[in-house]
Amino acid sequence: YTKLFNMLNELEDKYLISEIIKNPSFLEGKLFKNAFEQ
């Protein structure tokens, strides 16, 4: 989540966040990333 919010703060186009975050190793993060992608 620290990496996620740091990347989000640096992004000009916030909707691109799902394209640059790495696949998390835990289920909650995977669900979160999947929701972003959808």
PDB file of all heavy atoms in Angstrom:
ATOM      1  N   TYR A   1       0.813  -1.217   0.000  1.00  0.00           N
ATOM      2  CA  TYR A   1       0.000   0.000   0.000  1.00  0.00           C
ATOM      3  C   TYR A   1       0.848   1.269   0.000  1.00  0.00           C
ATOM      4  O   TYR A   1       0.446   2.277  -0.578  1.00  0.00           O
ATOM      5  CB  TYR A   1      -0.996  -0.014   1.163  1.00  0.00           C
ATOM      6  CG  TYR A   1      -2.107  -1.012   0.943  1.00  0.00           C
ATOM      7  CD1 TYR A   1      -2.288  -2.097   1.795  1.00  0.00           C
ATOM      8  CD2 TYR A   1      -2.965  -0.889  -0.139  1.00  0.00           C
ATOM      9  CE1 TYR A   1      -3.300  -3.017   1.577  1.00  0.00           C
ATOM     10  CE2 TYR A   1      -3.971  -1.808  -0.368  1.00  0.00           C
ATOM     11  CZ  TYR A   1      -4.140  -2.861   0.498  1.00  0.00           C
ATOM     12  OH  TYR A   1      -5.134  -3.774   0.276  1.00  0.00           O
ATOM     13  N   THR A   2       2.022   1.230   0.629  1.00  0.00           N
ATOM     14  CA  THR A   2       2.911   2.388   0.586  1.00  0.00           C
ATOM     15  C   THR A   2       3.374   2.643  -0.841  1.00  0.00           C
ATOM     16  O   THR A   2       3.339   3.772  -1.330  1.00  0.00           O
ATOM     17  CB  THR A   2       4.123   2.182   1.521  1.00  0.00           C
ATOM     18  OG1 THR A   2       3.647   2.000   2.855  1.00  0.00           O
ATOM     19  CG2 THR A   2       5.067   3.359   1.461  1.00  0.00           C
ATOM     20  N   LYS A   3       3.799   1.573  -1.536  1.00  0.00           N
ATOM     21  CA  LYS A   3       4.211   1.700  -2.938  1.00  0.00           C
ATOM     22  C   LYS A   3       3.047   2.176  -3.796  1.00  0.00           C
ATOM     23  O   LYS A   3       3.210   3.026  -4.674  1.00  0.00           O
ATOM     24  CB  LYS A   3       4.747   0.375  -3.467  1.00  0.00           C
ATOM     25  CG  LYS A   3       6.094  -0.002  -2.916  1.00  0.00           C
ATOM     26  CD  LYS A   3       6.526  -1.375  -3.407  1.00  0.00           C
ATOM     27  CE  LYS A   3       7.794  -1.823  -2.724  1.00  0.00           C
ATOM     28  NZ  LYS A   3       8.123  -3.224  -3.044  1.00  0.00           N
ATOM     29  N   LEU A   4       1.865   1.620  -3.555  1.00  0.00           N
ATOM     30  CA  LEU A   4       0.680   1.990  -4.324  1.00  0.00           C
ATOM     31  C   LEU A   4       0.387   3.482  -4.203  1.00  0.00           C
ATOM     32  O   LEU A   4       0.217   4.176  -5.211  1.00  0.00           O
ATOM     33  CB  LEU A   4      -0.542   1.184  -3.861  1.00  0.00           C
ATOM     34  CG  LEU A   4      -1.880   1.569  -4.465  1.00  0.00           C
ATOM     35  CD1 LEU A   4      -1.963   1.113  -5.917  1.00  0.00           C
ATOM     36  CD2 LEU A   4      -3.012   0.976  -3.662  1.00  0.00           C
ATOM     37  N   PHE A   5       0.360   3.999  -2.972  1.00  0.00           N
ATOM     38  CA  PHE A   5       0.025   5.409  -2.779  1.00  0.00           C
ATOM     39  C   PHE A   5       1.145   6.335  -3.243  1.00  0.00           C
ATOM     40  O   PHE A   5       0.881   7.443  -3.719  1.00  0.00           O
ATOM     41  CB  PHE A   5      -0.376   5.687  -1.333  1.00  0.00           C
ATOM     42  CG  PHE A   5      -1.747   5.157  -1.010  1.00  0.00           C
ATOM     43  CD1 PHE A   5      -1.910   4.097  -0.133  1.00  0.00           C
ATOM     44  CD2 PHE A   5      -2.871   5.691  -1.616  1.00  0.00           C
ATOM     45  CE1 PHE A   5      -3.174   3.598   0.147  1.00  0.00           C
ATOM     46  CE2 PHE A   5      -4.131   5.199  -1.344  1.00  0.00           C
ATOM     47  CZ  PHE A   5      -4.284   4.143  -0.457  1.00  0.00           C
ATOM     48  N   ASN A   6       2.391   5.884  -3.137  1.00  0.00           N
ATOM     49  CA  ASN A   6       3.503   6.681  -3.676  1.00  0.00           C
ATOM     50  C   ASN A   6       3.394   6.796  -5.191  1.00  0.00           C
ATOM     51  O   ASN A   6       3.581   7.878  -5.754  1.00  0.00           O
ATOM     52  CB  ASN A   6       4.856   6.089  -3.277  1.00  0.00           C
ATOM     53  CG  ASN A   6       5.187   6.332  -1.822  1.00  0.00           C
ATOM     54  OD1 ASN A   6       4.619   7.209  -1.181  1.00  0.00           O
ATOM     55  ND2 ASN A   6       6.098   5.549  -1.290  1.00  0.00           N
ATOM     56  N   MET A   7       3.108   5.668  -5.861  1.00  0.00           N
ATOM     57  CA  MET A   7       2.933   5.697  -7.320  1.00  0.00           C
ATOM     58  C   MET A   7       1.732   6.556  -7.704  1.00  0.00           C
ATOM     59  O   MET A   7       1.785   7.306  -8.671  1.00  0.00           O
ATOM     60  CB  MET A   7       2.745   4.279  -7.864  1.00  0.00           C
ATOM     61  CG  MET A   7       4.002   3.484  -7.959  1.00  0.00           C
ATOM     62  SD  MET A   7       3.698   1.952  -8.847  1.00  0.00           S
ATOM     63  CE  MET A   7       3.769   0.785  -7.517  1.00  0.00           C
ATOM     64  N   LEU A   8       0.671   6.437  -6.941  1.00  0.00           N
ATOM     65  CA  LEU A   8      -0.536   7.201  -7.216  1.00  0.00           C
ATOM     66  C   LEU A   8      -0.282   8.696  -7.096  1.00  0.00           C
ATOM     67  O   LEU A   8      -0.753   9.486  -7.922  1.00  0.00           O
ATOM     68  CB  LEU A   8      -1.659   6.769  -6.268  1.00  0.00           C
ATOM     69  CG  LEU A   8      -3.067   7.204  -6.586  1.00  0.00           C
ATOM     70  CD1 LEU A   8      -3.498   6.716  -7.966  1.00  0.00           C
ATOM     71  CD2 LEU A   8      -4.029   6.683  -5.535  1.00  0.00           C
ATOM     72  N   ASN A   9       0.492   9.087  -6.098  1.00  0.00           N
ATOM     73  CA  ASN A   9       0.822  10.505  -5.928  1.00  0.00           C
ATOM     74  C   ASN A   9       1.693  11.038  -7.054  1.00  0.00           C
ATOM     75  O   ASN A   9       1.624  12.217  -7.393  1.00  0.00           O
ATOM     76  CB  ASN A   9       1.508  10.738  -4.581  1.00  0.00           C
ATOM     77  CG  ASN A   9       0.548  10.622  -3.423  1.00  0.00           C
ATOM     78  OD1 ASN A   9      -0.656  10.850  -3.568  1.00  0.00           O
ATOM     79  ND2 ASN A   9       1.064  10.260  -2.276  1.00  0.00           N
ATOM     80  N   GLU A  10       2.535  10.167  -7.629  1.00  0.00           N
ATOM     81  CA  GLU A  10       3.420  10.592  -8.712  1.00  0.00           C
ATOM     82  C   GLU A  10       2.722  10.608 -10.075  1.00  0.00           C
ATOM     83  O   GLU A  10       3.190  11.279 -10.989  1.00  0.00           O
ATOM     84  CB  GLU A  10       4.642   9.669  -8.778  1.00  0.00           C
ATOM     85  CG  GLU A  10       5.556   9.810  -7.584  1.00  0.00           C
ATOM     86  CD  GLU A  10       6.682   8.795  -7.597  1.00  0.00           C
ATOM     87  OE1 GLU A  10       6.850   8.088  -8.616  1.00  0.00           O
ATOM     88  OE2 GLU A  10       7.394   8.701  -6.576  1.00  0.00           O
ATOM     89  N   LEU A  11       1.628   9.875 -10.188  1.00  0.00           N
ATOM     90  CA  LEU A  11       0.942   9.777 -11.476  1.00  0.00           C
ATOM     91  C   LEU A  11       0.118  11.021 -11.775  1.00  0.00           C
ATOM     92  O   LEU A  11      -0.609  11.514 -10.919  1.00  0.00           O
ATOM     93  CB  LEU A  11      -0.011   8.582 -11.485  1.00  0.00           C
ATOM     94  CG  LEU A  11       0.521   7.261 -11.950  1.00  0.00           C
ATOM     95  CD1 LEU A  11      -0.554   6.190 -11.811  1.00  0.00           C
ATOM     96  CD2 LEU A  11       1.011   7.301 -13.369  1.00  0.00           C
ATOM     97  N   GLU A  12       0.226  11.489 -12.989  1.00  0.00           N
ATOM     98  CA  GLU A  12      -0.615  12.592 -13.420  1.00  0.00           C
ATOM     99  C   GLU A  12      -2.003  12.060 -13.782  1.00  0.00           C
ATOM    100  O   GLU A  12      -3.011  12.656 -13.434  1.00  0.00           O
ATOM    101  CB  GLU A  12       0.017  13.277 -14.636  1.00  0.00           C
ATOM    102  CG  GLU A  12      -0.669  14.573 -15.008  1.00  0.00           C
ATOM    103  CD  GLU A  12       0.111  15.303 -16.082  1.00  0.00           C
ATOM    104  OE1 GLU A  12       1.345  15.423 -15.944  1.00  0.00           O
ATOM    105  OE2 GLU A  12      -0.532  15.758 -17.033  1.00  0.00           O
ATOM    106  N   ASP A  13      -2.023  10.923 -14.488  1.00  0.00           N
ATOM    107  CA  ASP A  13      -3.285  10.276 -14.867  1.00  0.00           C
ATOM    108  C   ASP A  13      -3.529   9.116 -13.913  1.00  0.00           C
ATOM    109  O   ASP A  13      -3.053   7.999 -14.122  1.00  0.00           O
ATOM    110  CB  ASP A  13      -3.214   9.781 -16.316  1.00  0.00           C
ATOM    111  CG  ASP A  13      -3.005  10.913 -17.296  1.00  0.00           C
ATOM    112  OD1 ASP A  13      -3.587  11.995 -17.073  1.00  0.00           O
ATOM    113  OD2 ASP A  13      -2.255  10.724 -18.278  1.00  0.00           O
ATOM    114  N   LYS A  14      -4.282   9.366 -12.862  1.00  0.00           N
ATOM    115  CA  LYS A  14      -4.473   8.399 -11.777  1.00  0.00           C
ATOM    116  C   LYS A  14      -5.112   7.095 -12.252  1.00  0.00           C
ATOM    117  O   LYS A  14      -4.869   6.055 -11.667  1.00  0.00           O
ATOM    118  CB  LYS A  14      -5.348   9.010 -10.673  1.00  0.00           C
ATOM    119  CG  LYS A  14      -4.879  10.349 -10.165  1.00  0.00           C
ATOM    120  CD  LYS A  14      -3.773  10.214  -9.187  1.00  0.00           C
ATOM    121  CE  LYS A  14      -3.494  11.557  -8.534  1.00  0.00           C
ATOM    122  NZ  LYS A  14      -2.109  11.791  -8.326  1.00  0.00           N
ATOM    123  N   TYR A  15      -5.888   7.147 -13.304  1.00  0.00           N
ATOM    124  CA  TYR A  15      -6.568   5.943 -13.774  1.00  0.00           C
ATOM    125  C   TYR A  15      -5.602   4.904 -14.340  1.00  0.00           C
ATOM    126  O   TYR A  15      -5.982   3.760 -14.565  1.00  0.00           O
ATOM    127  CB  TYR A  15      -7.635   6.297 -14.823  1.00  0.00           C
ATOM    128  CG  TYR A  15      -7.094   7.011 -16.034  1.00  0.00           C
ATOM    129  CD1 TYR A  15      -6.596   6.299 -17.117  1.00  0.00           C
ATOM    130  CD2 TYR A  15      -7.084   8.398 -16.085  1.00  0.00           C
ATOM    131  CE1 TYR A  15      -6.092   6.957 -18.221  1.00  0.00           C
ATOM    132  CE2 TYR A  15      -6.581   9.062 -17.192  1.00  0.00           C
ATOM    133  CZ  TYR A  15      -6.091   8.328 -18.253  1.00  0.00           C
ATOM    134  OH  TYR A  15      -5.587   8.982 -19.346  1.00  0.00           O
ATOM    135  N   LEU A  16      -4.347   5.255 -14.514  1.00  0.00           N
ATOM    136  CA  LEU A  16      -3.351   4.313 -15.030  1.00  0.00           C
ATOM    137  C   LEU A  16      -2.714   3.457 -13.931  1.00  0.00           C
ATOM    138  O   LEU A  16      -1.859   2.627 -14.213  1.00  0.00           O
ATOM    139  CB  LEU A  16      -2.251   5.065 -15.782  1.00  0.00           C
ATOM    140  CG  LEU A  16      -2.686   5.782 -17.053  1.00  0.00           C
ATOM    141  CD1 LEU A  16      -1.542   6.609 -17.618  1.00  0.00           C
ATOM    142  CD2 LEU A  16      -3.178   4.774 -18.080  1.00  0.00           C
ATOM    143  N   ILE A  17      -3.140   3.631 -12.698  1.00  0.00           N
ATOM    144  CA  ILE A  17      -2.501   2.938 -11.575  1.00  0.00           C
ATOM    145  C   ILE A  17      -2.537   1.421 -11.733  1.00  0.00           C
ATOM    146  O   ILE A  17      -1.574   0.737 -11.408  1.00  0.00           O
ATOM    147  CB  ILE A  17      -3.102   3.371 -10.215  1.00  0.00           C
ATOM    148  CG1 ILE A  17      -2.250   2.857  -9.047  1.00  0.00           C
ATOM    149  CG2 ILE A  17      -4.532   2.929 -10.070  1.00  0.00           C
ATOM    150  CD1 ILE A  17      -0.909   3.468  -8.937  1.00  0.00           C
ATOM    151  N   SER A  18      -3.616   0.873 -12.281  1.00  0.00           N
ATOM    152  CA  SER A  18      -3.696  -0.587 -12.407  1.00  0.00           C
ATOM    153  C   SER A  18      -2.683  -1.133 -13.404  1.00  0.00           C
ATOM    154  O   SER A  18      -2.330  -2.305 -13.358  1.00  0.00           O
ATOM    155  CB  SER A  18      -5.104  -1.016 -12.807  1.00  0.00           C
ATOM    156  OG  SER A  18      -5.393  -0.597 -14.122  1.00  0.00           O
ATOM    157  N   GLU A  19      -2.207  -0.272 -14.287  1.00  0.00           N
ATOM    158  CA  GLU A  19      -1.227  -0.712 -15.284  1.00  0.00           C
ATOM    159  C   GLU A  19       0.185  -0.792 -14.718  1.00  0.00           C
ATOM    160  O   GLU A  19       1.013  -1.537 -15.236  1.00  0.00           O
ATOM    161  CB  GLU A  19      -1.222   0.254 -16.482  1.00  0.00           C
ATOM    162  CG  GLU A  19      -2.555   0.350 -17.203  1.00  0.00           C
ATOM    163  CD  GLU A  19      -2.960  -0.960 -17.857  1.00  0.00           C
ATOM    164  OE1 GLU A  19      -2.063  -1.680 -18.335  1.00  0.00           O
ATOM    165  OE2 GLU A  19      -4.153  -1.269 -17.862  1.00  0.00           O
ATOM    166  N   ILE A  20       0.465  -0.043 -13.656  1.00  0.00           N
ATOM    167  CA  ILE A  20       1.849   0.005 -13.176  1.00  0.00           C
ATOM    168  C   ILE A  20       2.081  -0.696 -11.841  1.00  0.00           C
ATOM    169  O   ILE A  20       3.228  -0.948 -11.497  1.00  0.00           O
ATOM    170  CB  ILE A  20       2.365   1.461 -13.094  1.00  0.00           C
ATOM    171  CG1 ILE A  20       1.555   2.280 -12.107  1.00  0.00           C
ATOM    172  CG2 ILE A  20       2.388   2.096 -14.454  1.00  0.00           C
ATOM    173  CD1 ILE A  20       2.155   3.638 -11.831  1.00  0.00           C
ATOM    174  N   ILE A  21       1.017  -1.017 -11.105  1.00  0.00           N
ATOM    175  CA  ILE A  21       1.267  -1.718  -9.839  1.00  0.00           C
ATOM    176  C   ILE A  21       1.580  -3.183 -10.124  1.00  0.00           C
ATOM    177  O   ILE A  21       1.027  -3.796 -11.024  1.00  0.00           O
ATOM    178  CB  ILE A  21       0.098  -1.589  -8.828  1.00  0.00           C
ATOM    179  CG1 ILE A  21      -1.211  -2.114  -9.391  1.00  0.00           C
ATOM    180  CG2 ILE A  21      -0.049  -0.192  -8.326  1.00  0.00           C
ATOM    181  CD1 ILE A  21      -2.341  -2.130  -8.389  1.00  0.00           C
ATOM    182  N   LYS A  22       2.505  -3.715  -9.341  1.00  0.00           N
ATOM    183  CA  LYS A  22       2.902  -5.110  -9.483  1.00  0.00           C
ATOM    184  C   LYS A  22       1.842  -6.001  -8.846  1.00  0.00           C
ATOM    185  O   LYS A  22       1.086  -5.566  -7.979  1.00  0.00           O
ATOM    186  CB  LYS A  22       4.246  -5.346  -8.817  1.00  0.00           C
ATOM    187  CG  LYS A  22       5.385  -4.631  -9.488  1.00  0.00           C
ATOM    188  CD  LYS A  22       6.692  -4.885  -8.788  1.00  0.00           C
ATOM    189  CE  LYS A  22       7.796  -4.099  -9.472  1.00  0.00           C
ATOM    190  NZ  LYS A  22       9.050  -4.164  -8.750  1.00  0.00           N
ATOM    191  N   ASN A  23       1.819  -7.255  -9.285  1.00  0.00           N
ATOM    192  CA  ASN A  23       0.873  -8.203  -8.703  1.00  0.00           C
ATOM    193  C   ASN A  23       1.244  -8.465  -7.250  1.00  0.00           C
ATOM    194  O   ASN A  23       2.356  -8.903  -6.968  1.00  0.00           O
ATOM    195  CB  ASN A  23       0.879  -9.519  -9.484  1.00  0.00           C
ATOM    196  CG  ASN A  23       0.178  -9.390 -10.811  1.00  0.00           C
ATOM    197  OD1 ASN A  23      -0.756  -8.626 -10.956  1.00  0.00           O
ATOM    198  ND2 ASN A  23       0.633 -10.140 -11.790  1.00  0.00           N
ATOM    199  N   PRO A  24       0.327  -8.195  -6.337  1.00  0.00           N
ATOM    200  CA  PRO A  24       0.611  -8.424  -4.923  1.00  0.00           C
ATOM    201  C   PRO A  24       0.646  -9.923  -4.603  1.00  0.00           C
ATOM    202  O   PRO A  24       0.107 -10.737  -5.347  1.00  0.00           O
ATOM    203  CB  PRO A  24      -0.545  -7.730  -4.204  1.00  0.00           C
ATOM    204  CG  PRO A  24      -1.583  -7.500  -5.225  1.00  0.00           C
ATOM    205  CD  PRO A  24      -0.956  -7.583  -6.564  1.00  0.00           C
ATOM    206  N   SER A  25       1.252 -10.253  -3.485  1.00  0.00           N
ATOM    207  CA  SER A  25       1.385 -11.654  -3.095  1.00  0.00           C
ATOM    208  C   SER A  25       0.267 -12.112  -2.160  1.00  0.00           C
ATOM    209  O   SER A  25       0.202 -13.272  -1.807  1.00  0.00           O
ATOM    210  CB  SER A  25       2.728 -11.864  -2.405  1.00  0.00           C
ATOM    211  OG  SER A  25       2.802 -11.068  -1.240  1.00  0.00           O
ATOM    212  N   PHE A  26      -0.626 -11.216  -1.771  1.00  0.00           N
ATOM    213  CA  PHE A  26      -1.687 -11.570  -0.838  1.00  0.00           C
ATOM    214  C   PHE A  26      -3.054 -11.374  -1.499  1.00  0.00           C
ATOM    215  O   PHE A  26      -3.214 -10.570  -2.402  1.00  0.00           O
ATOM    216  CB  PHE A  26      -1.572 -10.777   0.469  1.00  0.00           C
ATOM    217  CG  PHE A  26      -1.588  -9.279   0.284  1.00  0.00           C
ATOM    218  CD1 PHE A  26      -2.742  -8.562   0.516  1.00  0.00           C
ATOM    219  CD2 PHE A  26      -0.450  -8.594  -0.115  1.00  0.00           C
ATOM    220  CE1 PHE A  26      -2.761  -7.193   0.352  1.00  0.00           C
ATOM    221  CE2 PHE A  26      -0.458  -7.230  -0.280  1.00  0.00           C
ATOM    222  CZ  PHE A  26      -1.620  -6.521  -0.045  1.00  0.00           C
ATOM    223  N   LEU A  27      -4.024 -12.161  -1.046  1.00  0.00           N
ATOM    224  CA  LEU A  27      -5.338 -12.221  -1.688  1.00  0.00           C
ATOM    225  C   LEU A  27      -6.035 -10.868  -1.755  1.00  0.00           C
ATOM    226  O   LEU A  27      -6.559 -10.483  -2.797  1.00  0.00           O
ATOM    227  CB  LEU A  27      -6.233 -13.236  -0.964  1.00  0.00           C
ATOM    228  CG  LEU A  27      -7.642 -13.384  -1.514  1.00  0.00           C
ATOM    229  CD1 LEU A  27      -7.604 -13.887  -2.960  1.00  0.00           C
ATOM    230  CD2 LEU A  27      -8.456 -14.310  -0.647  1.00  0.00           C
ATOM    231  N   GLU A  28      -6.034 -10.130  -0.662  1.00  0.00           N
ATOM    232  CA  GLU A  28      -6.704  -8.827  -0.622  1.00  0.00           C
ATOM    233  C   GLU A  28      -6.142  -7.883  -1.687  1.00  0.00           C
ATOM    234  O   GLU A  28      -6.877  -7.174  -2.365  1.00  0.00           O
ATOM    235  CB  GLU A  28      -6.519  -8.223   0.770  1.00  0.00           C
ATOM    236  CG  GLU A  28      -7.152  -6.878   0.976  1.00  0.00           C
ATOM    237  CD  GLU A  28      -6.838  -6.372   2.365  1.00  0.00           C
ATOM    238  OE1 GLU A  28      -7.252  -7.007   3.344  1.00  0.00           O
ATOM    239  OE2 GLU A  28      -6.154  -5.331   2.464  1.00  0.00           O
ATOM    240  N   GLY A  29      -4.823  -7.889  -1.843  1.00  0.00           N
ATOM    241  CA  GLY A  29      -4.178  -7.052  -2.853  1.00  0.00           C
ATOM    242  C   GLY A  29      -4.530  -7.497  -4.260  1.00  0.00           C
ATOM    243  O   GLY A  29      -4.739  -6.671  -5.149  1.00  0.00           O
ATOM    244  N   LYS A  30      -4.599  -8.818  -4.474  1.00  0.00           N
ATOM    245  CA  LYS A  30      -4.973  -9.338  -5.787  1.00  0.00           C
ATOM    246  C   LYS A  30      -6.403  -8.928  -6.142  1.00  0.00           C
ATOM    247  O   LYS A  30      -6.686  -8.547  -7.276  1.00  0.00           O
ATOM    248  CB  LYS A  30      -4.832 -10.857  -5.813  1.00  0.00           C
ATOM    249  CG  LYS A  30      -3.401 -11.325  -5.792  1.00  0.00           C
ATOM    250  CD  LYS A  30      -3.298 -12.832  -5.736  1.00  0.00           C
ATOM    251  CE  LYS A  30      -1.832 -13.246  -5.622  1.00  0.00           C
ATOM    252  NZ  LYS A  30      -1.669 -14.680  -5.509  1.00  0.00           N
ATOM    253  N   LEU A  31      -7.298  -9.016  -5.163  1.00  0.00           N
ATOM    254  CA  LEU A  31      -8.681  -8.598  -5.387  1.00  0.00           C
ATOM    255  C   LEU A  31      -8.753  -7.098  -5.685  1.00  0.00           C
ATOM    256  O   LEU A  31      -9.512  -6.658  -6.550  1.00  0.00           O
ATOM    257  CB  LEU A  31      -9.546  -8.940  -4.169  1.00  0.00           C
ATOM    258  CG  LEU A  31      -9.736 -10.423  -3.882  1.00  0.00           C
ATOM    259  CD1 LEU A  31     -10.435 -10.619  -2.540  1.00  0.00           C
ATOM    260  CD2 LEU A  31     -10.509 -11.102  -4.993  1.00  0.00           C
ATOM    261  N   PHE A  32      -7.957  -6.336  -4.952  1.00  0.00           N
ATOM    262  CA  PHE A  32      -7.898  -4.887  -5.136  1.00  0.00           C
ATOM    263  C   PHE A  32      -7.431  -4.539  -6.549  1.00  0.00           C
ATOM    264  O   PHE A  32      -8.039  -3.725  -7.241  1.00  0.00           O
ATOM    265  CB  PHE A  32      -6.954  -4.315  -4.079  1.00  0.00           C
ATOM    266  CG  PHE A  32      -7.063  -2.850  -3.849  1.00  0.00           C
ATOM    267  CD1 PHE A  32      -8.242  -2.283  -3.405  1.00  0.00           C
ATOM    268  CD2 PHE A  32      -5.967  -2.025  -4.051  1.00  0.00           C
ATOM    269  CE1 PHE A  32      -8.335  -0.923  -3.180  1.00  0.00           C
ATOM    270  CE2 PHE A  32      -6.049  -0.666  -3.824  1.00  0.00           C
ATOM    271  CZ  PHE A  32      -7.236  -0.124  -3.393  1.00  0.00           C
ATOM    272  N   LYS A  33      -6.348  -5.188  -6.991  1.00  0.00           N
ATOM    273  CA  LYS A  33      -5.813  -4.941  -8.331  1.00  0.00           C
ATOM    274  C   LYS A  33      -6.814  -5.364  -9.396  1.00  0.00           C
ATOM    275  O   LYS A  33      -7.027  -4.668 -10.388  1.00  0.00           O
ATOM    276  CB  LYS A  33      -4.492  -5.669  -8.543  1.00  0.00           C
ATOM    277  CG  LYS A  33      -3.864  -5.340  -9.891  1.00  0.00           C
ATOM    278  CD  LYS A  33      -2.463  -5.856 -10.014  1.00  0.00           C
ATOM    279  CE  LYS A  33      -1.791  -5.227 -11.184  1.00  0.00           C
ATOM    280  NZ  LYS A  33      -1.642  -5.880 -12.355  1.00  0.00           N
ATOM    281  N   ASN A  34      -7.468  -6.505  -9.184  1.00  0.00           N
ATOM    282  CA  ASN A  34      -8.478  -6.978 -10.126  1.00  0.00           C
ATOM    283  C   ASN A  34      -9.629  -5.981 -10.228  1.00  0.00           C
ATOM    284  O   ASN A  34     -10.136  -5.718 -11.329  1.00  0.00           O
ATOM    285  CB  ASN A  34      -8.989  -8.356  -9.701  1.00  0.00           C
ATOM    286  CG  ASN A  34      -9.933  -8.953 -10.696  1.00  0.00           C
ATOM    287  OD1 ASN A  34     -11.107  -8.591 -10.733  1.00  0.00           O
ATOM    288  ND2 ASN A  34      -9.419  -9.861 -11.511  1.00  0.00           N
ATOM    289  N   ALA A  35     -10.043  -5.420  -9.118  1.00  0.00           N
ATOM    290  CA  ALA A  35     -11.114  -4.418  -9.128  1.00  0.00           C
ATOM    291  C   ALA A  35     -10.678  -3.186  -9.919  1.00  0.00           C
ATOM    292  O   ALA A  35     -11.460  -2.641 -10.712  1.00  0.00           O
ATOM    293  CB  ALA A  35     -11.493  -4.025  -7.699  1.00  0.00           C
ATOM    294  N   PHE A  36      -9.434  -2.734  -9.700  1.00  0.00           N
ATOM    295  CA  PHE A  36      -8.901  -1.603 -10.478  1.00  0.00           C
ATOM    296  C   PHE A  36      -8.952  -1.894 -11.972  1.00  0.00           C
ATOM    297  O   PHE A  36      -9.350  -1.043 -12.771  1.00  0.00           O
ATOM    298  CB  PHE A  36      -7.446  -1.317 -10.098  1.00  0.00           C
ATOM    299  CG  PHE A  36      -7.253  -0.369  -8.959  1.00  0.00           C
ATOM    300  CD1 PHE A  36      -6.103  -0.435  -8.185  1.00  0.00           C
ATOM    301  CD2 PHE A  36      -8.187   0.608  -8.658  1.00  0.00           C
ATOM    302  CE1 PHE A  36      -5.901   0.438  -7.137  1.00  0.00           C
ATOM    303  CE2 PHE A  36      -7.996   1.489  -7.617  1.00  0.00           C
ATOM    304  CZ  PHE A  36      -6.851   1.394  -6.854  1.00  0.00           C
ATOM    305  N   GLU A  37      -8.527  -3.098 -12.348  1.00  0.00           N
ATOM    306  CA  GLU A  37      -8.493  -3.461 -13.768  1.00  0.00           C
ATOM    307  C   GLU A  37      -9.899  -3.475 -14.365  1.00  0.00           C
ATOM    308  O   GLU A  37     -10.107  -3.024 -15.492  1.00  0.00           O
ATOM    309  CB  GLU A  37      -7.803  -4.817 -13.948  1.00  0.00           C
ATOM    310  CG  GLU A  37      -6.311  -4.746 -13.699  1.00  0.00           C
ATOM    311  CD  GLU A  37      -5.647  -6.107 -13.608  1.00  0.00           C
ATOM    312  OE1 GLU A  37      -6.360  -7.133 -13.511  1.00  0.00           O
ATOM    313  OE2 GLU A  37      -4.401  -6.145 -13.637  1.00  0.00           O
ATOM    314  N   GLN A  38     -10.864  -3.990 -13.607  1.00  0.00           N
ATOM    315  CA  GLN A  38     -12.249  -4.009 -14.100  1.00  0.00           C
ATOM    316  C   GLN A  38     -12.818  -2.599 -14.233  1.00  0.00           C
ATOM    317  O   GLN A  38     -13.540  -2.300 -15.177  1.00  0.00           O
ATOM    318  CB  GLN A  38     -13.130  -4.857 -13.185  1.00  0.00           C
ATOM    319  CG  GLN A  38     -12.851  -6.328 -13.303  1.00  0.00           C
ATOM    320  CD  GLN A  38     -13.768  -7.157 -12.437  1.00  0.00           C
ATOM    321  OE1 GLN A  38     -14.877  -6.742 -12.103  1.00  0.00           O
ATOM    322  NE2 GLN A  38     -13.320  -8.339 -12.057  1.00  0.00           N
TER     323      GLN A  38
END
